[in-house]
Amino acid sequence: MVEILEKPAQEQQNLREKLENVFRNMFEDGCQAVEQLDDQKFTEHTWTRENGVWINGQSSDNTLYIDRALHQGSVFEKVGVNYVAIEGLLPPGMTFQESGALGTSEADQMIDKKGTPFFATGSSFVIHPRNPMAPTAHANYRYFQIGDGTQPEYWWFGGGADLTPAYLFEEDAVHFHQIHKEVCDKYDQSYYPRFKKNCDQYFHIAHRGESRGVGGIFFDHLKGSNLEELLAFVTDCTKALVPAYIPLVEKRKDMPFTEHNKQWQRVVRGRYVEFILTSDRGLRFGLASGMVTPKSVFNCMPAHAGWEYDDQPAPNSAEAMLREVLKTPREWV
């Protein structure tokens, strides 16, 4: 049974504004928290799409696409942030399953071979600190609907947040997971174990046999009979990023480190790049559908990454401990 959303035009517009505000607030609040720790400010680039090509500038229609970047700050080596509220047509003949998206067989029933109207909004953060003792964080939350607002629509939420340390401090992983578990438990006690497992499975680098990091939560195709209740849950998830992550950076940003530590951080970041380019289904869908600019993709990459022919860490080292955890995900809370 395909679930649909039918609302009068004014209600539909009000809902759209509410959705956009949730993700725009995540975008602005997260950027503010990052800038408060650093001596650098974000630069901003606004994009619009004309004749299938992304160009600089703000669209005259109901589309807004913003990239922000912070490079070589005192605390953060590189931060890539994105906010989007975009409507358009899916490419003719494109299906979600063919593009590699998750859980979308029902949605494919509504795909028009001539092009299907859609609306999507969301925000994404990838934060790479300078100090290798401070972890990288990723958070992305989004809403997607099929339809132009005048016809019955098929909709869902997706997203999550996860942590990628170069050096594992167990209390950091526990804190990050605890904050997200509390949000999940407020709405449904089955959410955290489900979404934690989803995260471990999704952010897995199959050709390495390793997770990308120590996990968090991840969900896709989250839908139901009550959109407002799910929006409240996702809203609280977006608000969890700052308290779950920023205290970890404050705690680790001034710790001493060596060139060896920095080199290991580059190896871990190399794995991060591998995941994005080889395993991220959301990225493939975003590029195939035209919802994501290639510049946004590379804005999220680390400033420096490294690869070694045989990067096995020394036995019983801190690096070896991390590698073991990445091969066998733990329960943190």
C-alpha atoms as a PDB file:
ATOM      1  CA  MET A   1       0.000   0.000   0.000  1.00  0.00           C
ATOM      2  CA  VAL A   2       1.481   3.340  -1.092  1.00  0.00           C
ATOM      3  CA  GLU A   3       1.008   6.021   1.568  1.00  0.00           C
ATOM      4  CA  ILE A   4       0.038   9.413   0.205  1.00  0.00           C
ATOM      5  CA  LEU A   5      -0.268  12.910   1.542  1.00  0.00           C
ATOM      6  CA  GLU A   6      -3.287  14.950   0.436  1.00  0.00           C
ATOM      7  CA  LYS A   7      -3.573  18.542   1.647  1.00  0.00           C
ATOM      8  CA  PRO A   8      -5.138  21.759   0.337  1.00  0.00           C
ATOM      9  CA  ALA A   9      -2.712  24.082  -1.431  1.00  0.00           C
ATOM     10  CA  GLN A  10      -2.369  26.509   1.506  1.00  0.00           C
ATOM     11  CA  GLU A  11      -1.772  23.701   4.003  1.00  0.00           C
ATOM     12  CA  GLN A  12       0.776  22.222   1.628  1.00  0.00           C
ATOM     13  CA  GLN A  13       2.619  25.561   1.416  1.00  0.00           C
ATOM     14  CA  ASN A  14       2.598  25.940   5.201  1.00  0.00           C
ATOM     15  CA  LEU A  15       3.992  22.437   5.584  1.00  0.00           C
ATOM     16  CA  ARG A  16       6.730  23.177   3.085  1.00  0.00           C
ATOM     17  CA  GLU A  17       7.747  26.312   4.982  1.00  0.00           C
ATOM     18  CA  LYS A  18       7.809  24.368   8.250  1.00  0.00           C
ATOM     19  CA  LEU A  19      10.008  21.665   6.715  1.00  0.00           C
ATOM     20  CA  GLU A  20      12.399  24.193   5.199  1.00  0.00           C
ATOM     21  CA  ASN A  21      12.696  26.027   8.514  1.00  0.00           C
ATOM     22  CA  VAL A  22      13.720  22.860  10.371  1.00  0.00           C
ATOM     23  CA  PHE A  23      16.643  22.173   8.065  1.00  0.00           C
ATOM     24  CA  ARG A  24      17.589  25.820   7.639  1.00  0.00           C
ATOM     25  CA  ASN A  25      17.782  26.155  11.433  1.00  0.00           C
ATOM     26  CA  MET A  26      20.063  23.108  11.586  1.00  0.00           C
ATOM     27  CA  PHE A  27      22.238  24.725   8.917  1.00  0.00           C
ATOM     28  CA  GLU A  28      22.494  28.099  10.659  1.00  0.00           C
ATOM     29  CA  ASP A  29      22.846  26.790  14.223  1.00  0.00           C
ATOM     30  CA  GLY A  30      25.523  24.259  13.257  1.00  0.00           C
ATOM     31  CA  CYS A  31      27.528  26.864  11.358  1.00  0.00           C
ATOM     32  CA  GLN A  32      27.320  29.260  14.296  1.00  0.00           C
ATOM     33  CA  ALA A  33      28.595  26.579  16.713  1.00  0.00           C
ATOM     34  CA  VAL A  34      31.556  25.809  14.451  1.00  0.00           C
ATOM     35  CA  GLU A  35      32.481  29.470  14.004  1.00  0.00           C
ATOM     36  CA  GLN A  36      32.357  30.088  17.762  1.00  0.00           C
ATOM     37  CA  LEU A  37      35.254  27.640  18.183  1.00  0.00           C
ATOM     38  CA  ASP A  38      37.390  28.839  15.279  1.00  0.00           C
ATOM     39  CA  ASP A  39      39.165  31.954  14.063  1.00  0.00           C
ATOM     40  CA  GLN A  40      37.882  31.461  10.516  1.00  0.00           C
ATOM     41  CA  LYS A  41      34.428  32.177   9.093  1.00  0.00           C
ATOM     42  CA  PHE A  42      32.500  30.267   6.485  1.00  0.00           C
ATOM     43  CA  THR A  43      32.464  31.360   2.874  1.00  0.00           C
ATOM     44  CA  GLU A  44      29.131  30.933   1.108  1.00  0.00           C
ATOM     45  CA  HIS A  45      28.175  29.938  -2.429  1.00  0.00           C
ATOM     46  CA  THR A  46      24.616  29.912  -3.736  1.00  0.00           C
ATOM     47  CA  TRP A  47      23.635  27.821  -6.737  1.00  0.00           C
ATOM     48  CA  THR A  48      20.812  27.528  -9.210  1.00  0.00           C
ATOM     49  CA  ARG A  49      20.155  25.074 -12.008  1.00  0.00           C
ATOM     50  CA  GLU A  50      19.465  26.111 -15.592  1.00  0.00           C
ATOM     51  CA  ASN A  51      19.015  23.671 -18.454  1.00  0.00           C
ATOM     52  CA  GLY A  52      20.460  20.863 -16.362  1.00  0.00           C
ATOM     53  CA  VAL A  53      23.618  22.816 -15.429  1.00  0.00           C
ATOM     54  CA  TRP A  54      24.526  24.215 -11.989  1.00  0.00           C
ATOM     55  CA  ILE A  55      25.541  27.893 -12.109  1.00  0.00           C
ATOM     56  CA  ASN A  56      26.352  30.478  -9.431  1.00  0.00           C
ATOM     57  CA  GLY A  57      23.478  32.569  -8.186  1.00  0.00           C
ATOM     58  CA  GLN A  58      20.115  32.292  -6.495  1.00  0.00           C
ATOM     59  CA  SER A  59      17.174  30.856  -8.392  1.00  0.00           C
ATOM     60  CA  SER A  60      14.172  33.039  -9.147  1.00  0.00           C
ATOM     61  CA  ASP A  61      11.815  30.112  -8.415  1.00  0.00           C
ATOM     62  CA  ASN A  62      11.236  28.170  -5.219  1.00  0.00           C
ATOM     63  CA  THR A  63      14.699  26.615  -5.156  1.00  0.00           C
ATOM     64  CA  LEU A  64      17.504  27.498  -2.755  1.00  0.00           C
ATOM     65  CA  TYR A  65      20.859  25.677  -2.726  1.00  0.00           C
ATOM     66  CA  ILE A  66      23.657  26.924  -0.454  1.00  0.00           C
ATOM     67  CA  ASP A  67      27.146  25.567   0.133  1.00  0.00           C
ATOM     68  CA  ARG A  68      29.348  26.872   2.935  1.00  0.00           C
ATOM     69  CA  ALA A  69      33.013  26.050   3.426  1.00  0.00           C
ATOM     70  CA  LEU A  70      35.545  26.707   6.162  1.00  0.00           C
ATOM     71  CA  HIS A  71      39.198  25.948   5.330  1.00  0.00           C
ATOM     72  CA  GLN A  72      42.341  25.899   7.452  1.00  0.00           C
ATOM     73  CA  GLY A  73      40.950  27.307  10.643  1.00  0.00           C
ATOM     74  CA  SER A  74      42.685  27.148  13.990  1.00  0.00           C
ATOM     75  CA  VAL A  75      40.414  24.307  15.181  1.00  0.00           C
ATOM     76  CA  PHE A  76      38.816  22.948  12.023  1.00  0.00           C
ATOM     77  CA  GLU A  77      40.918  21.955   9.041  1.00  0.00           C
ATOM     78  CA  LYS A  78      37.920  21.754   6.746  1.00  0.00           C
ATOM     79  CA  VAL A  79      34.147  21.942   7.131  1.00  0.00           C
ATOM     80  CA  GLY A  80      31.644  21.447   4.320  1.00  0.00           C
ATOM     81  CA  VAL A  81      28.013  22.410   4.894  1.00  0.00           C
ATOM     82  CA  ASN A  82      25.010  22.297   2.606  1.00  0.00           C
ATOM     83  CA  TYR A  83      21.395  23.454   2.734  1.00  0.00           C
ATOM     84  CA  VAL A  84      18.903  22.743  -0.022  1.00  0.00           C
ATOM     85  CA  ALA A  85      15.232  23.338  -0.713  1.00  0.00           C
ATOM     86  CA  ILE A  86      14.692  22.292  -4.288  1.00  0.00           C
ATOM     87  CA  GLU A  87      11.832  21.328  -6.582  1.00  0.00           C
ATOM     88  CA  GLY A  88      12.016  20.022 -10.105  1.00  0.00           C
ATOM     89  CA  LEU A  89      11.597  16.933 -12.239  1.00  0.00           C
ATOM     90  CA  LEU A  90      13.357  13.637 -11.762  1.00  0.00           C
ATOM     91  CA  PRO A  91      15.126  12.689 -15.019  1.00  0.00           C
ATOM     92  CA  PRO A  92      12.798  10.769 -17.364  1.00  0.00           C
ATOM     93  CA  GLY A  93      12.966   7.040 -16.767  1.00  0.00           C
ATOM     94  CA  MET A  94      15.091   7.329 -13.621  1.00  0.00           C
ATOM     95  CA  THR A  95      14.035   5.063 -10.757  1.00  0.00           C
ATOM     96  CA  PHE A  96      15.227   5.081  -7.172  1.00  0.00           C
ATOM     97  CA  GLN A  97      16.280   1.452  -7.247  1.00  0.00           C
ATOM     98  CA  GLU A  98      18.341   1.895 -10.406  1.00  0.00           C
ATOM     99  CA  SER A  99      20.100   4.900  -8.872  1.00  0.00           C
ATOM    100  CA  GLY A 100      21.048   2.895  -5.783  1.00  0.00           C
ATOM    101  CA  ALA A 101      18.743   4.677  -3.325  1.00  0.00           C
ATOM    102  CA  LEU A 102      17.369   2.776  -0.326  1.00  0.00           C
ATOM    103  CA  GLY A 103      13.922   1.343   0.300  1.00  0.00           C
ATOM    104  CA  THR A 104      12.133   2.920  -2.635  1.00  0.00           C
ATOM    105  CA  SER A 105      10.293   0.195  -4.560  1.00  0.00           C
ATOM    106  CA  GLU A 106       6.913   1.725  -3.628  1.00  0.00           C
ATOM    107  CA  ALA A 107       8.068   5.161  -4.704  1.00  0.00           C
ATOM    108  CA  ASP A 108       9.121   3.748  -8.070  1.00  0.00           C
ATOM    109  CA  GLN A 109       5.470   2.910  -8.720  1.00  0.00           C
ATOM    110  CA  MET A 110       4.823   6.659  -8.920  1.00  0.00           C
ATOM    111  CA  ILE A 111       7.689   7.459 -11.286  1.00  0.00           C
ATOM    112  CA  ASP A 112       6.576   8.917 -14.608  1.00  0.00           C
ATOM    113  CA  LYS A 113       8.776   7.971 -17.523  1.00  0.00           C
ATOM    114  CA  LYS A 114       8.357  11.515 -18.838  1.00  0.00           C
ATOM    115  CA  GLY A 115       9.740  13.048 -15.632  1.00  0.00           C
ATOM    116  CA  THR A 116       8.290  13.160 -12.123  1.00  0.00           C
ATOM    117  CA  PRO A 117       7.821  16.333 -10.030  1.00  0.00           C
ATOM    118  CA  PHE A 118       9.596  16.291  -6.675  1.00  0.00           C
ATOM    119  CA  PHE A 119      10.380  18.509  -3.712  1.00  0.00           C
ATOM    120  CA  ALA A 120      13.344  17.933  -1.394  1.00  0.00           C
ATOM    121  CA  THR A 121      14.868  19.846   1.486  1.00  0.00           C
ATOM    122  CA  GLY A 122      17.637  19.076   3.942  1.00  0.00           C
ATOM    123  CA  SER A 123      20.956  20.019   5.456  1.00  0.00           C
ATOM    124  CA  SER A 124      24.316  18.248   5.640  1.00  0.00           C
ATOM    125  CA  PHE A 125      27.502  18.737   7.688  1.00  0.00           C
ATOM    126  CA  VAL A 126      30.921  17.117   7.372  1.00  0.00           C
ATOM    127  CA  ILE A 127      33.369  18.466   9.959  1.00  0.00           C
ATOM    128  CA  HIS A 128      37.099  17.633   9.913  1.00  0.00           C
ATOM    129  CA  PRO A 129      39.018  19.014  12.949  1.00  0.00           C
ATOM    130  CA  ARG A 130      42.709  19.867  12.743  1.00  0.00           C
ATOM    131  CA  ASN A 131      43.787  17.945  15.853  1.00  0.00           C
ATOM    132  CA  PRO A 132      43.864  14.159  15.161  1.00  0.00           C
ATOM    133  CA  MET A 133      42.604  13.529  18.702  1.00  0.00           C
ATOM    134  CA  ALA A 134      39.303  15.223  17.800  1.00  0.00           C
ATOM    135  CA  PRO A 135      36.894  13.122  15.701  1.00  0.00           C
ATOM    136  CA  THR A 136      35.335  13.910  12.342  1.00  0.00           C
ATOM    137  CA  ALA A 137      31.543  14.195  12.403  1.00  0.00           C
ATOM    138  CA  HIS A 138      28.926  13.822   9.695  1.00  0.00           C
ATOM    139  CA  ALA A 139      25.227  14.686   9.951  1.00  0.00           C
ATOM    140  CA  ASN A 140      22.611  14.814   7.224  1.00  0.00           C
ATOM    141  CA  TYR A 141      18.833  15.052   7.513  1.00  0.00           C
ATOM    142  CA  ARG A 142      16.386  15.429   4.656  1.00  0.00           C
ATOM    143  CA  TYR A 143      12.771  15.259   3.496  1.00  0.00           C
ATOM    144  CA  PHE A 144      11.687  14.096   0.045  1.00  0.00           C
ATOM    145  CA  GLN A 145       8.307  14.052  -1.639  1.00  0.00           C
ATOM    146  CA  ILE A 146       7.061  13.074  -5.070  1.00  0.00           C
ATOM    147  CA  GLY A 147       4.436  15.351  -6.570  1.00  0.00           C
ATOM    148  CA  ASP A 148       3.992  19.009  -7.400  1.00  0.00           C
ATOM    149  CA  GLY A 149       1.886  19.912  -4.363  1.00  0.00           C
ATOM    150  CA  THR A 150      -1.444  19.660  -6.228  1.00  0.00           C
ATOM    151  CA  GLN A 151      -1.600  15.860  -6.508  1.00  0.00           C
ATOM    152  CA  PRO A 152      -1.395  13.064  -3.922  1.00  0.00           C
ATOM    153  CA  GLU A 153       2.204  12.734  -2.834  1.00  0.00           C
ATOM    154  CA  TYR A 154       4.538  10.062  -1.592  1.00  0.00           C
ATOM    155  CA  TRP A 155       6.977  11.298   1.072  1.00  0.00           C
ATOM    156  CA  TRP A 156       9.657  10.224   3.536  1.00  0.00           C
ATOM    157  CA  PHE A 157      12.428  11.411   5.846  1.00  0.00           C
ATOM    158  CA  GLY A 158      16.016  10.210   5.864  1.00  0.00           C
ATOM    159  CA  GLY A 159      19.325  10.947   7.511  1.00  0.00           C
ATOM    160  CA  GLY A 160      21.413  10.471  10.595  1.00  0.00           C
ATOM    161  CA  ALA A 161      24.676  11.388  12.292  1.00  0.00           C
ATOM    162  CA  ASP A 162      27.896   9.441  12.822  1.00  0.00           C
ATOM    163  CA  LEU A 163      31.351   9.850  14.326  1.00  0.00           C
ATOM    164  CA  THR A 164      34.736   9.016  12.755  1.00  0.00           C
ATOM    165  CA  PRO A 165      37.700   9.229  15.162  1.00  0.00           C
ATOM    166  CA  ALA A 166      41.334   8.790  14.206  1.00  0.00           C
ATOM    167  CA  TYR A 167      42.058   8.041  17.862  1.00  0.00           C
ATOM    168  CA  LEU A 168      39.347   6.378  19.892  1.00  0.00           C
ATOM    169  CA  PHE A 169      38.320   7.837  23.237  1.00  0.00           C
ATOM    170  CA  GLU A 170      35.563   5.538  24.382  1.00  0.00           C
ATOM    171  CA  GLU A 171      33.853   8.218  26.447  1.00  0.00           C
ATOM    172  CA  ASP A 172      33.478  10.320  23.271  1.00  0.00           C
ATOM    173  CA  ALA A 173      31.712   7.488  21.450  1.00  0.00           C
ATOM    174  CA  VAL A 174      29.480   6.885  24.479  1.00  0.00           C
ATOM    175  CA  HIS A 175      28.557  10.587  24.680  1.00  0.00           C
ATOM    176  CA  PHE A 176      27.739  10.840  20.973  1.00  0.00           C
ATOM    177  CA  HIS A 177      25.563   7.718  21.056  1.00  0.00           C
ATOM    178  CA  GLN A 178      23.879   8.639  24.350  1.00  0.00           C
ATOM    179  CA  ILE A 179      22.678  11.993  23.037  1.00  0.00           C
ATOM    180  CA  HIS A 180      21.162  10.337  19.976  1.00  0.00           C
ATOM    181  CA  LYS A 181      19.655   7.486  21.986  1.00  0.00           C
ATOM    182  CA  GLU A 182      17.888   9.984  24.222  1.00  0.00           C
ATOM    183  CA  VAL A 183      16.323  11.661  21.186  1.00  0.00           C
ATOM    184  CA  CYS A 184      15.232   8.318  19.743  1.00  0.00           C
ATOM    185  CA  ASP A 185      13.839   7.003  23.044  1.00  0.00           C
ATOM    186  CA  LYS A 186      11.688  10.121  23.442  1.00  0.00           C
ATOM    187  CA  TYR A 187       9.650   8.986  20.427  1.00  0.00           C
ATOM    188  CA  ASP A 188      10.044   5.204  20.134  1.00  0.00           C
ATOM    189  CA  GLN A 189      12.346   2.919  22.103  1.00  0.00           C
ATOM    190  CA  SER A 190      12.803   0.716  19.039  1.00  0.00           C
ATOM    191  CA  TYR A 191      14.349   3.620  17.094  1.00  0.00           C
ATOM    192  CA  TYR A 192      17.843   3.675  18.576  1.00  0.00           C
ATOM    193  CA  PRO A 193      18.680  -0.048  18.234  1.00  0.00           C
ATOM    194  CA  ARG A 194      17.240  -0.077  14.712  1.00  0.00           C
ATOM    195  CA  PHE A 195      18.918   3.107  13.568  1.00  0.00           C
ATOM    196  CA  LYS A 196      22.227   2.280  15.267  1.00  0.00           C
ATOM    197  CA  LYS A 197      22.295  -1.051  13.407  1.00  0.00           C
ATOM    198  CA  ASN A 198      21.366   0.714  10.160  1.00  0.00           C
ATOM    199  CA  CYS A 199      24.278   3.113  10.681  1.00  0.00           C
ATOM    200  CA  ASP A 200      26.786   0.317  11.289  1.00  0.00           C
ATOM    201  CA  GLN A 201      25.587  -1.466   8.155  1.00  0.00           C
ATOM    202  CA  TYR A 202      25.381   1.572   5.885  1.00  0.00           C
ATOM    203  CA  PHE A 203      28.686   3.230   6.772  1.00  0.00           C
ATOM    204  CA  HIS A 204      30.636   0.080   6.020  1.00  0.00           C
ATOM    205  CA  ILE A 205      33.500  -0.095   3.541  1.00  0.00           C
ATOM    206  CA  ALA A 206      32.976  -3.559   2.086  1.00  0.00           C
ATOM    207  CA  HIS A 207      36.289  -3.805   0.249  1.00  0.00           C
ATOM    208  CA  ARG A 208      38.107  -3.017   3.529  1.00  0.00           C
ATOM    209  CA  GLY A 209      35.888  -5.058   5.829  1.00  0.00           C
ATOM    210  CA  GLU A 210      35.686  -2.033   8.132  1.00  0.00           C
ATOM    211  CA  SER A 211      33.169   0.531   9.328  1.00  0.00           C
ATOM    212  CA  ARG A 212      33.895   4.138   8.460  1.00  0.00           C
ATOM    213  CA  GLY A 213      33.764   5.114  12.121  1.00  0.00           C
ATOM    214  CA  VAL A 214      32.105   4.287  15.432  1.00  0.00           C
ATOM    215  CA  GLY A 215      28.599   4.882  14.148  1.00  0.00           C
ATOM    216  CA  GLY A 216      25.621   6.803  15.390  1.00  0.00           C
ATOM    217  CA  ILE A 217      22.128   6.618  13.901  1.00  0.00           C
ATOM    218  CA  PHE A 218      20.904   6.311  10.328  1.00  0.00           C
ATOM    219  CA  PHE A 219      17.441   5.908   8.813  1.00  0.00           C
ATOM    220  CA  ASP A 220      15.941   6.195   5.359  1.00  0.00           C
ATOM    221  CA  HIS A 221      12.455   6.014   3.925  1.00  0.00           C
ATOM    222  CA  LEU A 222      11.007   6.890   7.338  1.00  0.00           C
ATOM    223  CA  LYS A 223       7.284   7.460   6.779  1.00  0.00           C
ATOM    224  CA  GLY A 224       3.942   6.771   8.442  1.00  0.00           C
ATOM    225  CA  SER A 225       0.461   8.039   9.068  1.00  0.00           C
ATOM    226  CA  ASN A 226       1.559  11.078  11.090  1.00  0.00           C
ATOM    227  CA  LEU A 227       3.971  13.372   9.262  1.00  0.00           C
ATOM    228  CA  GLU A 228       3.910  15.973  12.034  1.00  0.00           C
ATOM    229  CA  GLU A 229       5.093  13.449  14.633  1.00  0.00           C
ATOM    230  CA  LEU A 230       7.920  12.254  12.420  1.00  0.00           C
ATOM    231  CA  LEU A 231       8.865  15.866  11.697  1.00  0.00           C
ATOM    232  CA  ALA A 232       9.095  16.484  15.453  1.00  0.00           C
ATOM    233  CA  PHE A 233      11.441  13.506  15.783  1.00  0.00           C
ATOM    234  CA  VAL A 234      13.636  14.637  12.888  1.00  0.00           C
ATOM    235  CA  THR A 235      13.655  18.195  14.268  1.00  0.00           C
ATOM    236  CA  ASP A 236      15.046  16.922  17.567  1.00  0.00           C
ATOM    237  CA  CYS A 237      17.622  14.867  15.652  1.00  0.00           C
ATOM    238  CA  THR A 238      18.821  17.996  13.855  1.00  0.00           C
ATOM    239  CA  LYS A 239      19.152  19.775  17.201  1.00  0.00           C
ATOM    240  CA  ALA A 240      21.254  16.917  18.627  1.00  0.00           C
ATOM    241  CA  LEU A 241      24.298  17.557  16.411  1.00  0.00           C
ATOM    242  CA  VAL A 242      25.741  20.460  18.408  1.00  0.00           C
ATOM    243  CA  PRO A 243      25.452  18.962  21.935  1.00  0.00           C
ATOM    244  CA  ALA A 244      26.538  15.511  20.720  1.00  0.00           C
ATOM    245  CA  TYR A 245      29.625  16.708  18.878  1.00  0.00           C
ATOM    246  CA  ILE A 246      30.895  20.175  19.778  1.00  0.00           C
ATOM    247  CA  PRO A 247      31.841  19.237  23.402  1.00  0.00           C
ATOM    248  CA  LEU A 248      34.099  16.501  21.996  1.00  0.00           C
ATOM    249  CA  VAL A 249      36.009  19.034  19.911  1.00  0.00           C
ATOM    250  CA  GLU A 250      36.270  21.426  22.862  1.00  0.00           C
ATOM    251  CA  LYS A 251      37.770  18.596  24.937  1.00  0.00           C
ATOM    252  CA  ARG A 252      40.295  17.395  22.302  1.00  0.00           C
ATOM    253  CA  LYS A 253      41.245  20.434  20.223  1.00  0.00           C
ATOM    254  CA  ASP A 254      44.266  21.442  22.351  1.00  0.00           C
ATOM    255  CA  MET A 255      45.672  17.992  23.073  1.00  0.00           C
ATOM    256  CA  PRO A 256      49.313  17.426  22.042  1.00  0.00           C
ATOM    257  CA  PHE A 257      49.958  15.311  18.946  1.00  0.00           C
ATOM    258  CA  THR A 258      52.886  14.179  16.810  1.00  0.00           C
ATOM    259  CA  GLU A 259      53.526  13.941  13.083  1.00  0.00           C
ATOM    260  CA  HIS A 260      52.865  10.200  13.411  1.00  0.00           C
ATOM    261  CA  ASN A 261      49.408  11.010  14.795  1.00  0.00           C
ATOM    262  CA  LYS A 262      48.800  13.388  11.918  1.00  0.00           C
ATOM    263  CA  GLN A 263      49.841  10.770   9.361  1.00  0.00           C
ATOM    264  CA  TRP A 264      47.443   8.245  10.889  1.00  0.00           C
ATOM    265  CA  GLN A 265      44.668  10.845  10.716  1.00  0.00           C
ATOM    266  CA  ARG A 266      45.356  11.123   6.979  1.00  0.00           C
ATOM    267  CA  VAL A 267      45.066   7.337   6.601  1.00  0.00           C
ATOM    268  CA  VAL A 268      41.701   7.359   8.405  1.00  0.00           C
ATOM    269  CA  ARG A 269      40.552  10.212   6.194  1.00  0.00           C
ATOM    270  CA  GLY A 270      41.594   8.198   3.173  1.00  0.00           C
ATOM    271  CA  ARG A 271      39.059   5.586   4.263  1.00  0.00           C
ATOM    272  CA  TYR A 272      36.483   8.387   4.560  1.00  0.00           C
ATOM    273  CA  VAL A 273      37.110   9.345   0.940  1.00  0.00           C
ATOM    274  CA  GLU A 274      36.887   5.701  -0.152  1.00  0.00           C
ATOM    275  CA  PHE A 275      33.458   5.343   1.409  1.00  0.00           C
ATOM    276  CA  ILE A 276      32.082   8.455  -0.273  1.00  0.00           C
ATOM    277  CA  LEU A 277      33.379   7.502  -3.709  1.00  0.00           C
ATOM    278  CA  THR A 278      32.688   3.744  -3.644  1.00  0.00           C
ATOM    279  CA  SER A 279      29.846   3.053  -1.227  1.00  0.00           C
ATOM    280  CA  ASP A 280      27.625   6.091  -0.621  1.00  0.00           C
ATOM    281  CA  ARG A 281      24.295   5.334  -2.311  1.00  0.00           C
ATOM    282  CA  GLY A 282      22.857   8.689  -1.316  1.00  0.00           C
ATOM    283  CA  LEU A 283      25.639  10.424  -3.215  1.00  0.00           C
ATOM    284  CA  ARG A 284      24.930   8.394  -6.354  1.00  0.00           C
ATOM    285  CA  PHE A 285      21.240   9.245  -6.153  1.00  0.00           C
ATOM    286  CA  GLY A 286      21.942  12.930  -5.566  1.00  0.00           C
ATOM    287  CA  LEU A 287      24.199  13.217  -8.595  1.00  0.00           C
ATOM    288  CA  ALA A 288      21.961  11.085 -10.844  1.00  0.00           C
ATOM    289  CA  SER A 289      18.841  13.070  -9.933  1.00  0.00           C
ATOM    290  CA  GLY A 290      20.551  16.455 -10.301  1.00  0.00           C
ATOM    291  CA  MET A 291      19.817  17.369  -6.661  1.00  0.00           C
ATOM    292  CA  VAL A 292      23.488  17.680  -5.687  1.00  0.00           C
ATOM    293  CA  THR A 293      26.250  19.762  -7.215  1.00  0.00           C
ATOM    294  CA  PRO A 294      29.589  17.980  -7.720  1.00  0.00           C
ATOM    295  CA  LYS A 295      31.206  20.897  -5.879  1.00  0.00           C
ATOM    296  CA  SER A 296      29.131  20.033  -2.792  1.00  0.00           C
ATOM    297  CA  VAL A 297      30.510  16.498  -2.867  1.00  0.00           C
ATOM    298  CA  PHE A 298      34.111  17.611  -2.855  1.00  0.00           C
ATOM    299  CA  ASN A 299      33.390  20.362  -0.345  1.00  0.00           C
ATOM    300  CA  CYS A 300      32.776  17.520   2.140  1.00  0.00           C
ATOM    301  CA  MET A 301      36.089  15.791   1.466  1.00  0.00           C
ATOM    302  CA  PRO A 302      38.960  16.215   3.960  1.00  0.00           C
ATOM    303  CA  ALA A 303      41.627  18.761   3.089  1.00  0.00           C
ATOM    304  CA  HIS A 304      44.315  16.076   3.370  1.00  0.00           C
ATOM    305  CA  ALA A 305      44.040  12.300   3.061  1.00  0.00           C
ATOM    306  CA  GLY A 306      46.618   9.567   2.701  1.00  0.00           C
ATOM    307  CA  TRP A 307      47.008   6.025   1.480  1.00  0.00           C
ATOM    308  CA  GLU A 308      49.792   3.570   2.223  1.00  0.00           C
ATOM    309  CA  TYR A 309      50.406   0.248   0.504  1.00  0.00           C
ATOM    310  CA  ASP A 310      50.203  -1.662   3.790  1.00  0.00           C
ATOM    311  CA  ASP A 311      48.769   0.480   6.566  1.00  0.00           C
ATOM    312  CA  GLN A 312      48.629  -2.163   9.307  1.00  0.00           C
ATOM    313  CA  PRO A 313      49.196  -0.422  12.647  1.00  0.00           C
ATOM    314  CA  ALA A 314      51.721  -1.647  15.213  1.00  0.00           C
ATOM    315  CA  PRO A 315      50.344  -4.377  17.521  1.00  0.00           C
ATOM    316  CA  ASN A 316      48.740  -3.132  20.757  1.00  0.00           C
ATOM    317  CA  SER A 317      48.938   0.494  19.597  1.00  0.00           C
ATOM    318  CA  ALA A 318      46.144   3.059  19.814  1.00  0.00           C
ATOM    319  CA  GLU A 319      45.843   2.814  16.046  1.00  0.00           C
ATOM    320  CA  ALA A 320      45.455  -0.982  16.236  1.00  0.00           C
ATOM    321  CA  MET A 321      42.734  -0.609  18.878  1.00  0.00           C
ATOM    322  CA  LEU A 322      40.768   1.695  16.582  1.00  0.00           C
ATOM    323  CA  ARG A 323      41.161  -0.660  13.617  1.00  0.00           C
ATOM    324  CA  GLU A 324      39.796  -3.555  15.700  1.00  0.00           C
ATOM    325  CA  VAL A 325      36.722  -1.548  16.680  1.00  0.00           C
ATOM    326  CA  LEU A 326      36.132  -0.604  13.043  1.00  0.00           C
ATOM    327  CA  LYS A 327      36.160  -4.274  12.082  1.00  0.00           C
ATOM    328  CA  THR A 328      33.784  -5.277  14.885  1.00  0.00           C
ATOM    329  CA  PRO A 329      31.214  -2.570  15.762  1.00  0.00           C
ATOM    330  CA  ARG A 330      30.439  -2.159  19.456  1.00  0.00           C
ATOM    331  CA  GLU A 331      27.366  -1.345  21.487  1.00  0.00           C
ATOM    332  CA  TRP A 332      28.246   1.975  23.125  1.00  0.00           C
ATOM    333  CA  VAL A 333      25.199   2.588  25.347  1.00  0.00           C
END
